[in-house]
Structure formats: structure tokens, C-alpha cells
Amino acid sequence: MDTITSLAKFSVPVGNQEIELQQIVYEAGGMPQMRLRIREKSRFTVFDIDPVTATHWAETMLSWARAQEAAA
């Protein structure tokens, strides 16, 4: 059985979406992945991403967020 561990869960104030970050380790093997689940009412969007992609995504988001704070 695959092992899923919840890492974080939060609501987005604008758009009323629920976001959950999970680690998924597949029983069949391979590298652990990060699962990003976005819930919008009854609709779900799910991304399973590798560590390299997660790092790139996180660094880009953090850079953008810091730029917005500096501009404010």
C-alpha cells in the first residue's frame, strides 16, 4: 500500500480553495514525491511532483512573494 503523509493543509482566503501538501511513497518503489491537492468546492486538482521540481517551484514562489513584500 502507498504511504501518504500530510505535510500541510490550509485555506486560501481569496477563491476559497483548500490546499494540502502531502508526501507520497509508492509501495512499488521509486523516489518519494510531493502531492499538491487543490480543492475548489467539489473539484480537485492533483499534482505529483519530484524533489527537483518542488525545489524550483518553491524557490520561484518565495522569490515572487518577497518581491511583493518589498514593493508594498
C-alpha atoms as a PDB file:
ATOM      1  CA  MET A   1       0.000   0.000   0.000  1.00  0.00           C
ATOM      2  CA  ASP A   2       1.277   3.500  -0.839  1.00  0.00           C
ATOM      3  CA  THR A   3       2.155   5.666   2.168  1.00  0.00           C
ATOM      4  CA  ILE A   4       0.723   9.197   2.193  1.00  0.00           C
ATOM      5  CA  THR A   5       1.788  11.690   4.866  1.00  0.00           C
ATOM      6  CA  SER A   6       0.097  15.069   5.215  1.00  0.00           C
ATOM      7  CA  LEU A   7       2.675  17.889   5.407  1.00  0.00           C
ATOM      8  CA  ALA A   8       0.446  20.977   5.475  1.00  0.00           C
ATOM      9  CA  LYS A   9      -3.167  21.917   4.893  1.00  0.00           C
ATOM     10  CA  PHE A  10      -4.559  25.433   4.605  1.00  0.00           C
ATOM     11  CA  SER A  11      -7.298  27.529   3.032  1.00  0.00           C
ATOM     12  CA  VAL A  12      -6.729  30.313   0.541  1.00  0.00           C
ATOM     13  CA  PRO A  13      -8.690  33.417   1.594  1.00  0.00           C
ATOM     14  CA  VAL A  14      -9.258  34.599  -1.987  1.00  0.00           C
ATOM     15  CA  GLY A  15     -11.078  31.949  -4.027  1.00  0.00           C
ATOM     16  CA  ASN A  16     -11.921  29.761  -1.023  1.00  0.00           C
ATOM     17  CA  GLN A  17      -9.660  26.905  -2.117  1.00  0.00           C
ATOM     18  CA  GLU A  18      -8.269  24.272   0.234  1.00  0.00           C
ATOM     19  CA  ILE A  19      -4.670  23.241  -0.380  1.00  0.00           C
ATOM     20  CA  GLU A  20      -2.973  20.172   1.044  1.00  0.00           C
ATOM     21  CA  LEU A  21       0.666  19.199   0.601  1.00  0.00           C
ATOM     22  CA  GLN A  22       1.438  15.508   1.073  1.00  0.00           C
ATOM     23  CA  GLN A  23       4.410  13.204   0.730  1.00  0.00           C
ATOM     24  CA  ILE A  24       3.645  10.037  -1.183  1.00  0.00           C
ATOM     25  CA  VAL A  25       5.865   6.975  -1.111  1.00  0.00           C
ATOM     26  CA  TYR A  26       4.789   4.323  -3.574  1.00  0.00           C
ATOM     27  CA  GLU A  27       4.792   0.700  -2.450  1.00  0.00           C
ATOM     28  CA  ALA A  28       6.289  -0.276  -5.806  1.00  0.00           C
ATOM     29  CA  GLY A  29       9.326   1.928  -5.089  1.00  0.00           C
ATOM     30  CA  GLY A  30      10.848   4.935  -6.732  1.00  0.00           C
ATOM     31  CA  MET A  31      11.519   8.338  -5.252  1.00  0.00           C
ATOM     32  CA  PRO A  32       9.105   9.927  -2.793  1.00  0.00           C
ATOM     33  CA  GLN A  33       7.032  12.653  -4.392  1.00  0.00           C
ATOM     34  CA  MET A  34       5.165  15.678  -3.159  1.00  0.00           C
ATOM     35  CA  ARG A  35       1.469  15.687  -3.878  1.00  0.00           C
ATOM     36  CA  LEU A  36      -0.263  19.040  -4.124  1.00  0.00           C
ATOM     37  CA  ARG A  37      -4.061  18.774  -3.816  1.00  0.00           C
ATOM     38  CA  ILE A  38      -6.206  21.809  -4.549  1.00  0.00           C
ATOM     39  CA  ARG A  39      -9.900  21.574  -3.728  1.00  0.00           C
ATOM     40  CA  GLU A  40     -12.358  24.045  -5.234  1.00  0.00           C
ATOM     41  CA  LYS A  41     -15.842  23.114  -3.995  1.00  0.00           C
ATOM     42  CA  SER A  42     -16.282  19.559  -5.364  1.00  0.00           C
ATOM     43  CA  ARG A  43     -13.427  19.762  -7.894  1.00  0.00           C
ATOM     44  CA  PHE A  44      -9.901  18.506  -7.141  1.00  0.00           C
ATOM     45  CA  THR A  45      -6.660  19.256  -8.968  1.00  0.00           C
ATOM     46  CA  VAL A  46      -3.753  16.994  -8.045  1.00  0.00           C
ATOM     47  CA  PHE A  47      -0.062  17.349  -8.952  1.00  0.00           C
ATOM     48  CA  ASP A  48       2.568  14.743  -8.038  1.00  0.00           C
ATOM     49  CA  ILE A  49       5.984  16.356  -8.345  1.00  0.00           C
ATOM     50  CA  ASP A  50       9.564  15.204  -7.877  1.00  0.00           C
ATOM     51  CA  PRO A  51      12.037  16.882  -5.476  1.00  0.00           C
ATOM     52  CA  VAL A  52      13.807  18.864  -8.238  1.00  0.00           C
ATOM     53  CA  THR A  53      10.516  20.309  -9.498  1.00  0.00           C
ATOM     54  CA  ALA A  54       9.366  21.018  -5.918  1.00  0.00           C
ATOM     55  CA  THR A  55      12.586  22.960  -5.250  1.00  0.00           C
ATOM     56  CA  HIS A  56      12.228  25.016  -8.436  1.00  0.00           C
ATOM     57  CA  TRP A  57       8.561  25.744  -7.715  1.00  0.00           C
ATOM     58  CA  ALA A  58       9.240  26.691  -4.078  1.00  0.00           C
ATOM     59  CA  GLU A  59      12.166  28.979  -4.914  1.00  0.00           C
ATOM     60  CA  THR A  60      10.160  30.756  -7.622  1.00  0.00           C
ATOM     61  CA  MET A  61       7.165  31.262  -5.316  1.00  0.00           C
ATOM     62  CA  LEU A  62       9.346  32.524  -2.448  1.00  0.00           C
ATOM     63  CA  SER A  63      11.175  34.950  -4.735  1.00  0.00           C
ATOM     64  CA  TRP A  64       7.867  36.308  -6.024  1.00  0.00           C
ATOM     65  CA  ALA A  65       6.398  36.641  -2.509  1.00  0.00           C
ATOM     66  CA  ARG A  66       9.471  38.522  -1.235  1.00  0.00           C
ATOM     67  CA  ALA A  67       9.328  40.890  -4.209  1.00  0.00           C
ATOM     68  CA  GLN A  68       5.666  41.651  -3.407  1.00  0.00           C
ATOM     69  CA  GLU A  69       6.535  42.367   0.238  1.00  0.00           C
ATOM     70  CA  ALA A  70       9.379  44.671  -0.811  1.00  0.00           C
ATOM     71  CA  ALA A  71       7.104  46.559  -3.204  1.00  0.00           C
ATOM     72  CA  ALA A  72       4.419  47.110  -0.553  1.00  0.00           C
END
